[in-house]
Amino acid sequence: MATDTATDVFEEHRPVLMGVAYRMLGRVADAEDVVQDAWLRWSADERAEVREPRAYLVRITTRLAIDRLRAAQSRRESYVGPWLPEPLVTDFGPTVPDTAEQAVLADSVSLAVLVVLESLSPLERAVFVLREAFGFPFAEIANTLDRSEAAVRQLAGRARKHVEEGRPRYEVDPAQRRDLTERFLAAASDGDLDGLMSLLAPDVHLVGDSGGKARAPLRVVESADKVGRFFIGVAAKGVADAAATLDYRFLELNGAESVLLLVDGKPDSVLQLEVADGRVQRVFIVRNPDKLVGLAG
């Protein structure tokens, strides 16, 4: 296999490899590092006997991601405050023309599901990602992980049960999410506590991720009253620099409409609302600057 051919084959499968790595790790930079390591191995390996490059590359990527995830899990034990995945711009567009497939990919990369995946073992997470997001056969997953097919089916069953118990049990109309998000922002900026409370479910949760590098709640905030007052307080304080320019824009992150807050044109935070029955059920805020680098520009 010529070098150019090897490069072309790898680039053809790069989107799948990035998809697997990101769902495994929840960090774009980590996923890119894993894919780069996979390329180095692919370019150095003897490829003459490789009959199915996609399966071969997914196997390399998955194993590298498992190793990195095991190392990352120990570091996350000392993470300051709640941990959320790094926001990922998702616009599958013509690359995934099938609407049903788009829905599956978007769900598997949603913030809510990725948070649940954090509680799985690395092997369970790998099986779930390969099976549920990409539809790999159990036999192929078994070969990837050097496990028996029976063992992989058991891992898949445990992982699916755990994810189903933790993921949202409702579908959200994108138009409704956009409307509620706009009303949420308007009520918060106007200091309208009653208006904000009317949008929040009584048991709403606020999850903020700052990594100790920006202002955000260090614990999950629960109840409409506490969440509402938090946002009214944040809006009243504004930004530290009174002369700074504050702006925001809507974009699709992790398969859902989200808000990117910009201060002097630089990403400051990401806000995403989880909506059901016309109310906000959960609020995600990502303020760790390391996780917003990819949204600049």
Protein backbone atom coordinates (compact mmCIF):
# COMPACT_ATOMS: atom_id res chain seq x y z
CA MET A 1 0.00 0.00 0.00
CA ALA A 2 1.57 3.30 -1.09
CA THR A 3 1.98 6.17 1.35
CA ASP A 4 -0.57 8.32 -0.45
CA THR A 5 -3.03 5.44 -0.46
CA ALA A 6 -2.46 4.86 3.25
CA THR A 7 -3.14 8.54 3.92
CA ASP A 8 -6.28 8.54 1.78
CA VAL A 9 -7.64 5.46 3.54
CA PHE A 10 -7.00 6.96 6.96
CA GLU A 11 -8.61 10.29 6.03
CA GLU A 12 -11.65 8.45 4.69
CA HIS A 13 -12.22 6.90 8.11
CA ARG A 14 -11.09 9.86 10.25
CA PRO A 15 -14.68 11.07 11.00
CA VAL A 16 -15.60 7.66 12.45
CA LEU A 17 -12.37 7.51 14.45
CA MET A 18 -12.97 11.00 15.87
CA GLY A 19 -16.56 10.03 16.65
CA VAL A 20 -15.46 6.97 18.59
CA ALA A 21 -12.65 8.78 20.42
CA TYR A 22 -14.78 11.78 21.43
CA ARG A 23 -17.61 9.63 22.75
CA MET A 24 -15.07 7.63 24.72
CA LEU A 25 -13.26 10.62 26.20
CA GLY A 26 -15.59 13.64 26.16
CA ARG A 27 -12.72 15.94 25.17
CA VAL A 28 -12.03 17.10 21.63
CA ALA A 29 -8.31 17.62 22.24
CA ASP A 30 -7.94 14.15 23.78
CA ALA A 31 -9.87 12.62 20.89
CA GLU A 32 -7.63 14.39 18.36
CA ASP A 33 -4.53 13.11 20.19
CA VAL A 34 -5.85 9.55 20.09
CA VAL A 35 -6.63 9.80 16.37
CA GLN A 36 -3.16 11.20 15.73
CA ASP A 37 -1.62 8.28 17.65
CA ALA A 38 -3.77 5.93 15.59
CA TRP A 39 -2.41 7.53 12.41
CA LEU A 40 1.17 7.07 13.59
CA ARG A 41 0.54 3.39 14.22
CA TRP A 42 -1.31 2.97 10.95
CA SER A 43 1.46 4.65 8.95
CA ALA A 44 4.13 2.52 10.64
CA ASP A 45 2.29 -0.82 10.55
CA GLU A 46 2.58 -3.47 7.88
CA ARG A 47 -0.73 -2.97 6.07
CA ALA A 48 -0.45 -5.55 3.31
CA GLU A 49 -2.50 -8.07 5.30
CA VAL A 50 -5.17 -5.58 6.41
CA ARG A 51 -8.37 -6.58 4.62
CA GLU A 52 -10.77 -4.23 6.42
CA PRO A 53 -9.05 -0.90 7.16
CA ARG A 54 -12.09 0.59 8.92
CA ALA A 55 -12.30 -2.24 11.45
CA TYR A 56 -8.53 -2.23 11.90
CA LEU A 57 -8.41 1.53 12.53
CA VAL A 58 -11.40 1.48 14.87
CA ARG A 59 -9.70 -1.29 16.86
CA ILE A 60 -6.50 0.78 17.23
CA THR A 61 -8.44 3.94 18.13
CA THR A 62 -10.67 2.19 20.66
CA ARG A 63 -7.77 0.58 22.47
CA LEU A 64 -5.85 3.87 22.60
CA ALA A 65 -8.98 5.62 23.90
CA ILE A 66 -9.47 3.01 26.62
CA ASP A 67 -5.89 3.51 27.82
CA ARG A 68 -6.31 7.29 27.86
CA LEU A 69 -9.70 7.06 29.57
CA ARG A 70 -8.26 4.96 32.38
CA ALA A 71 -5.60 7.61 32.99
CA ALA A 72 -8.15 10.44 32.72
CA GLN A 73 -10.53 8.87 35.24
CA SER A 74 -7.92 9.10 38.00
CA ARG A 75 -7.29 12.77 37.16
CA ARG A 76 -11.01 13.56 37.19
CA GLU A 77 -11.24 12.46 40.79
CA SER A 78 -9.40 15.67 41.70
CA TYR A 79 -11.34 17.86 39.23
CA VAL A 80 -12.70 21.02 40.87
CA GLY A 81 -16.51 20.98 40.81
CA PRO A 82 -18.78 19.00 38.45
CA TRP A 83 -17.28 17.67 35.21
CA LEU A 84 -19.01 18.10 31.86
CA PRO A 85 -17.85 17.05 28.39
CA GLU A 86 -16.14 19.56 26.15
CA PRO A 87 -18.83 21.10 23.90
CA LEU A 88 -18.68 19.74 20.37
CA VAL A 89 -20.12 21.50 17.32
CA THR A 90 -22.43 19.01 15.64
CA ASP A 91 -23.66 19.67 12.15
CA PHE A 92 -23.76 16.33 10.37
CA GLY A 93 -25.28 17.88 7.25
CA PRO A 94 -24.65 15.99 3.99
CA THR A 95 -22.11 13.67 5.67
CA VAL A 96 -25.02 11.87 7.35
CA PRO A 97 -28.00 12.27 5.00
CA ASP A 98 -30.24 9.79 6.81
CA THR A 99 -32.40 11.59 9.38
CA ALA A 100 -32.75 8.55 11.64
CA GLU A 101 -28.97 8.05 11.65
CA GLN A 102 -28.49 11.73 12.48
CA ALA A 103 -30.81 11.33 15.47
CA VAL A 104 -28.85 8.33 16.76
CA LEU A 105 -25.51 10.11 16.39
CA ALA A 106 -26.82 13.29 18.01
CA ASP A 107 -28.28 11.37 20.96
CA SER A 108 -25.08 9.40 21.53
CA VAL A 109 -23.08 12.62 21.74
CA SER A 110 -25.55 14.61 23.87
CA LEU A 111 -24.29 16.16 27.09
CA ALA A 112 -26.79 14.15 29.13
CA VAL A 113 -25.67 10.80 27.67
CA LEU A 114 -21.96 11.63 27.86
CA VAL A 115 -22.39 12.50 31.54
CA VAL A 116 -23.97 9.08 32.13
CA LEU A 117 -21.18 7.39 30.18
CA GLU A 118 -18.72 8.79 32.72
CA SER A 119 -20.06 6.31 35.26
CA LEU A 120 -19.34 3.28 33.06
CA SER A 121 -16.15 1.28 33.10
CA PRO A 122 -13.85 1.91 30.09
CA LEU A 123 -14.81 -1.45 28.57
CA GLU A 124 -18.54 -0.85 29.07
CA ARG A 125 -18.20 2.58 27.53
CA ALA A 126 -16.32 1.21 24.53
CA VAL A 127 -18.94 -1.48 23.93
CA PHE A 128 -21.80 1.02 24.26
CA VAL A 129 -20.19 3.51 21.86
CA LEU A 130 -19.30 0.93 19.23
CA ARG A 131 -22.65 -0.84 19.41
CA GLU A 132 -25.20 1.91 20.06
CA ALA A 133 -23.64 4.84 18.19
CA PHE A 134 -21.99 3.05 15.28
CA GLY A 135 -23.81 -0.26 15.06
CA PHE A 136 -20.77 -2.54 15.06
CA PRO A 137 -21.60 -6.27 15.26
CA PHE A 138 -20.91 -7.95 18.59
CA ALA A 139 -18.36 -10.26 16.93
CA GLU A 140 -16.38 -7.30 15.63
CA ILE A 141 -16.49 -5.54 19.01
CA ALA A 142 -15.28 -8.74 20.65
CA ASN A 143 -12.33 -8.83 18.27
CA THR A 144 -11.59 -5.16 18.96
CA LEU A 145 -11.52 -5.67 22.73
CA ASP A 146 -10.01 -9.17 22.79
CA ARG A 147 -13.06 -10.48 24.63
CA SER A 148 -15.48 -13.27 23.87
CA GLU A 149 -18.71 -12.36 22.11
CA ALA A 150 -20.66 -13.58 25.16
CA ALA A 151 -18.67 -11.26 27.42
CA VAL A 152 -19.26 -8.33 25.07
CA ARG A 153 -23.00 -8.98 25.04
CA GLN A 154 -23.00 -8.91 28.86
CA LEU A 155 -21.05 -5.62 28.87
CA ALA A 156 -23.49 -4.19 26.32
CA GLY A 157 -26.50 -5.21 28.40
CA ARG A 158 -25.12 -3.62 31.58
CA ALA A 159 -24.09 -0.44 29.79
CA ARG A 160 -27.41 -0.04 27.98
CA LYS A 161 -29.38 -0.57 31.19
CA HIS A 162 -27.29 2.00 33.03
CA VAL A 163 -27.56 4.58 30.26
CA GLU A 164 -31.30 4.09 29.86
CA GLU A 165 -31.77 4.66 33.59
CA GLY A 166 -29.78 7.90 33.48
CA ARG A 167 -30.65 9.48 30.15
CA PRO A 168 -33.65 11.79 29.58
CA ARG A 169 -36.83 9.89 28.75
CA TYR A 170 -38.30 12.41 26.37
CA GLU A 171 -37.78 13.95 22.97
CA VAL A 172 -37.40 17.69 22.61
CA ASP A 173 -38.79 19.78 19.79
CA PRO A 174 -35.87 21.98 18.64
CA ALA A 175 -38.21 24.93 18.12
CA GLN A 176 -39.51 24.61 21.69
CA ARG A 177 -35.97 24.43 23.07
CA ARG A 178 -35.01 27.56 21.11
CA ASP A 179 -38.10 29.42 22.32
CA LEU A 180 -37.54 28.47 25.96
CA THR A 181 -33.86 29.37 25.72
CA GLU A 182 -34.66 32.82 24.35
CA ARG A 183 -37.26 33.42 27.05
CA PHE A 184 -34.83 32.14 29.68
CA LEU A 185 -32.13 34.58 28.56
CA ALA A 186 -34.60 37.48 28.41
CA ALA A 187 -35.97 36.82 31.91
CA ALA A 188 -32.49 36.47 33.39
CA SER A 189 -31.13 39.62 31.77
CA ASP A 190 -34.24 41.60 32.80
CA GLY A 191 -33.98 40.41 36.40
CA ASP A 192 -37.44 38.88 36.08
CA LEU A 193 -37.37 36.17 38.76
CA ASP A 194 -41.06 35.31 38.40
CA GLY A 195 -40.71 35.01 34.63
CA LEU A 196 -37.65 32.81 35.03
CA MET A 197 -39.33 30.62 37.65
CA SER A 198 -42.25 30.02 35.31
CA LEU A 199 -39.87 28.38 32.84
CA LEU A 200 -38.18 26.08 35.34
CA ALA A 201 -39.38 22.67 36.47
CA PRO A 202 -39.74 22.54 40.29
CA ASP A 203 -36.88 20.04 40.59
CA VAL A 204 -34.63 21.62 37.94
CA HIS A 205 -30.88 20.96 38.28
CA LEU A 206 -28.05 23.32 37.35
CA VAL A 207 -24.70 21.69 36.51
CA GLY A 208 -21.77 24.05 36.05
CA ASP A 209 -18.28 23.11 34.89
CA SER A 210 -15.45 25.56 35.54
CA GLY A 211 -12.63 23.25 36.56
CA GLY A 212 -11.81 25.87 39.18
CA LYS A 213 -10.72 28.26 36.42
CA ALA A 214 -13.82 30.46 36.24
CA ARG A 215 -16.86 31.31 38.34
CA ALA A 216 -19.45 28.53 38.46
CA PRO A 217 -21.24 26.53 41.16
CA LEU A 218 -18.95 23.95 42.71
CA ARG A 219 -21.94 21.70 43.41
CA VAL A 220 -25.09 20.86 41.50
CA VAL A 221 -27.77 23.46 42.27
CA GLU A 222 -31.25 22.02 42.78
CA SER A 223 -34.80 23.50 42.80
CA ALA A 224 -36.37 26.24 40.71
CA ASP A 225 -35.96 28.84 43.44
CA LYS A 226 -32.22 28.32 43.85
CA VAL A 227 -31.51 28.03 40.12
CA GLY A 228 -33.65 31.07 39.33
CA ARG A 229 -31.98 33.22 41.98
CA PHE A 230 -28.56 32.09 40.82
CA PHE A 231 -29.15 33.35 37.28
CA ILE A 232 -30.74 36.59 38.45
CA GLY A 233 -27.68 37.16 40.62
CA VAL A 234 -25.27 36.42 37.79
CA ALA A 235 -27.11 38.78 35.44
CA ALA A 236 -27.12 41.54 38.07
CA LYS A 237 -23.36 41.29 38.62
CA GLY A 238 -22.58 41.28 34.91
CA VAL A 239 -18.97 40.78 33.83
CA ALA A 240 -15.97 41.87 35.87
CA ASP A 241 -14.99 44.50 33.30
CA ALA A 242 -17.86 46.94 32.95
CA ALA A 243 -16.43 48.17 29.64
CA ALA A 244 -16.42 44.70 28.11
CA THR A 245 -18.71 43.89 25.20
CA LEU A 246 -21.18 41.12 25.95
CA ASP A 247 -22.77 39.12 23.15
CA TYR A 248 -24.16 35.67 22.47
CA ARG A 249 -25.02 33.45 19.56
CA PHE A 250 -26.98 30.26 19.05
CA LEU A 251 -25.29 27.18 17.66
CA GLU A 252 -25.76 23.43 17.72
CA LEU A 253 -23.56 21.73 20.28
CA ASN A 254 -23.72 18.02 21.08
CA GLY A 255 -26.81 17.66 18.97
CA ALA A 256 -28.84 20.40 20.65
CA GLU A 257 -29.43 24.13 20.34
CA SER A 258 -27.09 25.94 22.72
CA VAL A 259 -25.94 29.45 23.55
CA LEU A 260 -22.34 30.60 23.34
CA LEU A 261 -21.72 33.68 25.50
CA LEU A 262 -18.92 35.92 24.22
CA VAL A 263 -17.04 38.60 26.16
CA ASP A 264 -15.12 40.97 23.88
CA GLY A 265 -15.58 38.41 21.14
CA LYS A 266 -13.98 35.56 23.10
CA PRO A 267 -15.88 32.46 24.32
CA ASP A 268 -16.82 32.85 27.98
CA SER A 269 -19.38 30.12 28.56
CA VAL A 270 -21.78 27.69 26.95
CA LEU A 271 -25.38 27.33 28.12
CA GLN A 272 -27.62 24.43 27.17
CA LEU A 273 -31.10 23.69 28.49
CA GLU A 274 -32.64 20.25 28.82
CA VAL A 275 -36.36 20.66 28.20
CA ALA A 276 -39.43 18.48 28.77
CA ASP A 277 -43.15 19.19 29.12
CA GLY A 278 -42.57 22.86 28.34
CA ARG A 279 -40.22 23.36 31.30
CA VAL A 280 -36.45 23.46 31.80
CA GLN A 281 -35.43 20.24 33.55
CA ARG A 282 -31.68 20.70 33.62
CA VAL A 283 -29.25 23.51 32.85
CA PHE A 284 -25.70 22.83 31.71
CA ILE A 285 -23.06 25.57 31.87
CA VAL A 286 -19.51 25.05 30.67
CA ARG A 287 -17.09 27.80 31.74
CA ASN A 288 -13.78 25.98 31.91
CA PRO A 289 -11.77 28.02 29.37
CA ASP A 290 -9.83 24.92 28.30
CA LYS A 291 -13.09 23.44 27.00
CA LEU A 292 -14.08 26.53 25.02
CA VAL A 293 -10.96 26.95 22.91
CA GLY A 294 -12.47 25.05 19.98
CA LEU A 295 -15.40 27.51 19.82
CA ALA A 296 -13.24 30.59 19.23
CA GLY A 297 -13.49 32.30 15.89
